[in-house]
Amino acid sequence: MTFAEILDIEDANTNRIYLYRAGKFLKVYEHSAFLFHRYIADFKLSRRFIKTVNRYVISLGFPEANLKKWLYAYPVQELDEKRLVCDIEKSVDEVEYQEWTELARVQANPGDRYTVHTSVIEHQPVYKTAYDLHLHVISLSKNIAKNMWDPHALRAKRLSYDIAYGLRTFYEAPDRDARVDEVQEKCRELAFVLQILCDQRQISVNSFALDSERIVSVSIQLEGLRRTAKA
């Protein structure tokens, strides 16, 4: 199939994972890739510009021999010699999809956002704390309500990412004081979301305490950045 045909299918796809054979591998694109990445496994994403359709296309892939390993819990149907389809009883949320495409862009092309300022912030304790916070929240989310469907877990992941990325690009912000306010607000919201998850017994008290300490540490150090920005 051509990319144009695949994207026509994906643009209309809301609740299925289409898998396309490419030699010994299976490729998954766009909406299907979102559903696979969000509910099945956090595979590395690829994002490249396809001239024939004049747009960037997000995809992921894995050996067909591993199909049952990843989709053992769902029915897989062979449509033809080139295509398989899987129904996982999940739907594409367009708001989450748009957020995911931005995450996919950064993950697939990390060099696009690496600047001289990046190397400066990466060596500061506030960024390291925020980065550790994000990695821990991702780890926690993987154990919440199988396949991370819980909306609070999804929100926690997004907030922790925004905090880490907001700090990573701090010195590139046109208004650094405003950036501090923005990240501080996300810290407050993340603390609230983690409290909910703890109260629901989705995360342990120890995990909540650890990440709460990290959030407080980031907030305190942010005020130090604010003073630097105003100096």
Protein backbone atom coordinates (compact mmCIF):
# COMPACT_ATOMS: atom_id res chain seq x y z
CA MET A 1 0.00 0.00 0.00
CA THR A 2 1.07 3.58 -0.58
CA PHE A 3 1.56 6.06 2.25
CA ALA A 4 -1.44 7.99 0.93
CA GLU A 5 -3.63 4.90 1.30
CA ILE A 6 -2.27 4.13 4.76
CA LEU A 7 -2.86 7.69 5.97
CA ASP A 8 -6.41 7.72 4.57
CA ILE A 9 -7.08 4.69 6.75
CA GLU A 10 -5.37 6.21 9.77
CA ASP A 11 -7.10 9.58 9.50
CA ALA A 12 -10.44 7.78 9.78
CA ASN A 13 -9.24 5.24 12.34
CA THR A 14 -10.49 5.77 15.91
CA ASN A 15 -10.27 2.43 17.68
CA ARG A 16 -8.15 -0.14 15.85
CA ILE A 17 -4.47 -0.94 15.46
CA TYR A 18 -3.45 -1.61 11.85
CA LEU A 19 -0.14 -3.42 11.38
CA TYR A 20 1.63 -3.47 8.01
CA ARG A 21 4.15 -6.12 7.02
CA ALA A 22 7.57 -4.83 6.00
CA GLY A 23 9.80 -7.84 5.47
CA LYS A 24 10.18 -9.57 8.84
CA PHE A 25 8.83 -6.52 10.67
CA LEU A 26 5.42 -5.03 11.40
CA LYS A 27 5.00 -1.27 11.06
CA VAL A 28 2.33 0.77 12.85
CA TYR A 29 1.44 4.34 11.85
CA GLU A 30 -0.25 7.47 13.24
CA HIS A 31 -3.51 6.72 15.14
CA SER A 32 -2.63 3.03 15.30
CA ALA A 33 0.83 3.91 16.63
CA PHE A 34 -0.78 6.15 19.26
CA LEU A 35 -3.03 3.34 20.49
CA PHE A 36 -0.15 0.83 20.49
CA HIS A 37 2.26 3.20 22.23
CA ARG A 38 -0.29 4.32 24.81
CA TYR A 39 -1.91 0.99 25.69
CA ILE A 40 0.47 -1.78 24.64
CA ALA A 41 4.14 -0.81 24.91
CA ASP A 42 6.33 2.33 24.94
CA PHE A 43 8.29 1.48 21.82
CA LYS A 44 10.73 3.99 20.35
CA LEU A 45 8.94 6.23 17.87
CA SER A 46 10.06 7.27 14.41
CA ARG A 47 9.01 10.54 12.80
CA ARG A 48 10.00 11.37 9.23
CA PHE A 49 8.84 13.57 6.41
CA ILE A 50 7.22 11.64 3.53
CA LYS A 51 7.42 13.64 0.31
CA THR A 52 4.66 11.71 -1.46
CA VAL A 53 2.09 12.86 1.10
CA ASN A 54 3.84 16.14 2.03
CA ARG A 55 3.66 15.55 5.79
CA TYR A 56 5.50 14.06 8.75
CA VAL A 57 4.46 10.52 9.64
CA ILE A 58 4.87 8.92 13.07
CA SER A 59 5.43 5.18 13.28
CA LEU A 60 6.84 2.34 15.35
CA GLY A 61 7.83 -1.19 14.46
CA PHE A 62 8.85 -4.58 15.82
CA PRO A 63 9.64 -8.09 14.48
CA GLU A 64 6.52 -9.99 13.42
CA ALA A 65 7.84 -12.95 15.41
CA ASN A 66 7.06 -10.94 18.56
CA LEU A 67 3.44 -10.26 17.61
CA LYS A 68 1.96 -12.65 20.17
CA LYS A 69 4.26 -11.31 22.86
CA TRP A 70 2.74 -7.85 22.62
CA LEU A 71 -0.82 -8.54 21.48
CA TYR A 72 -1.47 -11.83 23.25
CA ALA A 73 -4.50 -10.37 25.05
CA TYR A 74 -6.26 -9.08 21.93
CA PRO A 75 -7.74 -10.68 18.80
CA VAL A 76 -5.63 -10.10 15.69
CA GLN A 77 -7.15 -10.56 12.24
CA GLU A 78 -5.22 -10.92 8.98
CA LEU A 79 -6.86 -8.64 6.40
CA ASP A 80 -4.56 -9.64 3.54
CA GLU A 81 -0.95 -10.65 2.95
CA LYS A 82 0.26 -7.14 3.83
CA ARG A 83 -2.07 -6.10 6.68
CA LEU A 84 -3.21 -7.19 10.11
CA VAL A 85 -5.71 -5.46 12.37
CA CYS A 86 -6.30 -5.61 16.11
CA ASP A 87 -9.26 -4.36 18.16
CA ILE A 88 -8.20 -3.34 21.68
CA GLU A 89 -11.46 -1.71 22.81
CA LYS A 90 -9.78 1.67 23.23
CA SER A 91 -10.46 4.86 21.31
CA VAL A 92 -8.25 7.69 20.10
CA ASP A 93 -8.78 10.80 22.19
CA GLU A 94 -7.89 13.68 19.87
CA VAL A 95 -6.65 15.96 22.67
CA GLU A 96 -4.34 13.26 24.00
CA TYR A 97 -3.34 12.38 20.44
CA GLN A 98 -2.23 15.94 19.72
CA GLU A 99 -0.19 15.99 22.95
CA TRP A 100 1.30 12.63 22.02
CA THR A 101 2.40 13.86 18.59
CA GLU A 102 4.45 16.58 20.29
CA LEU A 103 6.01 14.02 22.62
CA ALA A 104 6.69 11.82 19.60
CA ARG A 105 8.39 14.70 17.79
CA VAL A 106 10.74 15.38 20.70
CA GLN A 107 11.46 11.68 21.30
CA ALA A 108 12.12 10.95 17.64
CA ASN A 109 14.21 14.08 17.05
CA PRO A 110 15.90 15.03 20.34
CA GLY A 111 18.68 16.86 18.52
CA ASP A 112 16.21 19.42 17.13
CA ARG A 113 15.88 21.01 20.55
CA TYR A 114 19.49 20.75 21.79
CA THR A 115 21.09 24.19 22.04
CA VAL A 116 23.96 25.85 23.89
CA HIS A 117 21.44 26.78 26.62
CA THR A 118 20.47 23.12 26.98
CA SER A 119 23.95 22.10 28.09
CA VAL A 120 23.89 24.87 30.73
CA ILE A 121 20.58 23.84 32.34
CA GLU A 122 21.34 20.11 32.17
CA HIS A 123 24.14 20.56 34.70
CA GLN A 124 21.97 22.35 37.24
CA PRO A 125 20.47 20.43 40.18
CA VAL A 126 16.95 21.74 39.54
CA TYR A 127 16.84 20.14 36.09
CA LYS A 128 18.31 16.86 37.34
CA THR A 129 15.67 16.73 40.08
CA ALA A 130 12.87 17.44 37.60
CA TYR A 131 14.20 14.82 35.20
CA ASP A 132 14.38 12.18 37.95
CA LEU A 133 10.83 13.14 38.93
CA HIS A 134 9.60 12.58 35.38
CA LEU A 135 11.31 9.19 35.06
CA HIS A 136 9.83 8.06 38.37
CA VAL A 137 6.32 9.18 37.42
CA ILE A 138 6.61 7.23 34.16
CA SER A 139 7.70 4.18 36.14
CA LEU A 140 4.74 4.56 38.51
CA SER A 141 2.30 5.03 35.63
CA LYS A 142 3.23 1.69 34.11
CA ASN A 143 1.85 -0.06 37.19
CA ILE A 144 -1.38 1.93 37.41
CA ALA A 145 -4.63 0.40 36.22
CA LYS A 146 -3.16 -1.82 33.48
CA ASN A 147 -2.01 -0.08 30.30
CA MET A 148 -2.08 3.39 31.90
CA TRP A 149 -5.69 4.24 31.10
CA ASP A 150 -6.22 6.04 34.42
CA PRO A 151 -6.71 9.77 33.60
CA HIS A 152 -4.79 10.89 36.70
CA ALA A 153 -1.83 8.73 35.72
CA LEU A 154 -1.88 10.19 32.22
CA ARG A 155 -2.09 13.71 33.64
CA ALA A 156 0.79 13.03 36.04
CA LYS A 157 2.96 11.86 33.15
CA ARG A 158 2.13 14.95 31.12
CA LEU A 159 2.73 17.35 34.00
CA SER A 160 6.06 15.80 34.98
CA TYR A 161 7.14 15.98 31.33
CA ASP A 162 6.09 19.64 31.08
CA ILE A 163 8.03 20.48 34.24
CA ALA A 164 11.23 18.80 33.01
CA TYR A 165 10.92 20.22 29.50
CA GLY A 166 10.00 23.67 30.81
CA LEU A 167 13.27 23.67 32.74
CA ARG A 168 15.26 22.19 29.86
CA THR A 169 14.27 25.18 27.69
CA PHE A 170 14.33 27.75 30.52
CA TYR A 171 17.17 29.86 29.12
CA GLU A 172 15.51 29.95 25.71
CA ALA A 173 12.25 31.40 27.07
CA PRO A 174 11.60 35.01 26.00
CA ASP A 175 10.17 35.73 29.48
CA ARG A 176 12.01 33.65 32.07
CA ASP A 177 10.03 35.06 34.99
CA ALA A 178 6.81 33.93 33.30
CA ARG A 179 8.36 30.51 32.66
CA VAL A 180 9.00 30.14 36.40
CA ASP A 181 5.34 30.92 37.12
CA GLU A 182 4.25 28.40 34.49
CA VAL A 183 6.41 25.58 35.86
CA GLN A 184 5.47 26.40 39.47
CA GLU A 185 1.78 26.03 38.60
CA LYS A 186 2.45 22.64 37.02
CA CYS A 187 4.34 21.60 40.16
CA ARG A 188 1.31 22.48 42.28
CA GLU A 189 -1.02 20.54 40.00
CA LEU A 190 1.28 17.52 39.88
CA ALA A 191 1.41 17.44 43.70
CA PHE A 192 -2.41 17.42 43.74
CA VAL A 193 -2.69 14.65 41.12
CA LEU A 194 -0.17 12.49 42.98
CA GLN A 195 -2.14 13.03 46.19
CA ILE A 196 -5.26 11.70 44.43
CA LEU A 197 -3.37 8.65 43.15
CA CYS A 198 -2.03 8.01 46.65
CA ASP A 199 -5.49 8.34 48.21
CA GLN A 200 -6.81 5.90 45.60
CA ARG A 201 -3.97 3.52 46.55
CA GLN A 202 -2.73 3.60 42.98
CA ILE A 203 0.74 4.58 44.23
CA SER A 204 2.38 3.88 47.56
CA VAL A 205 2.76 6.38 50.37
CA ASN A 206 6.55 6.08 50.02
CA SER A 207 6.42 6.89 46.29
CA PHE A 208 4.14 9.84 46.98
CA ALA A 209 6.48 11.13 49.70
CA LEU A 210 9.55 10.76 47.45
CA ASP A 211 8.02 12.63 44.54
CA SER A 212 6.52 15.27 46.85
CA GLU A 213 10.03 15.99 48.13
CA ARG A 214 11.25 16.32 44.55
CA ILE A 215 8.43 18.71 43.68
CA VAL A 216 9.20 20.88 46.72
CA SER A 217 12.89 20.85 45.78
CA VAL A 218 12.12 21.91 42.21
CA SER A 219 9.81 24.70 43.46
CA ILE A 220 12.44 26.09 45.83
CA GLN A 221 15.16 25.98 43.19
CA LEU A 222 12.83 27.61 40.67
CA GLU A 223 12.75 30.71 42.84
CA GLY A 224 16.52 30.77 42.62
CA LEU A 225 16.20 30.76 38.83
CA ARG A 226 13.68 33.58 39.09
CA ARG A 227 16.17 35.72 40.99
CA THR A 228 18.79 34.92 38.34
CA ALA A 229 16.35 35.87 35.59
CA LYS A 230 15.67 39.25 37.20
CA ALA A 231 19.31 40.00 37.90
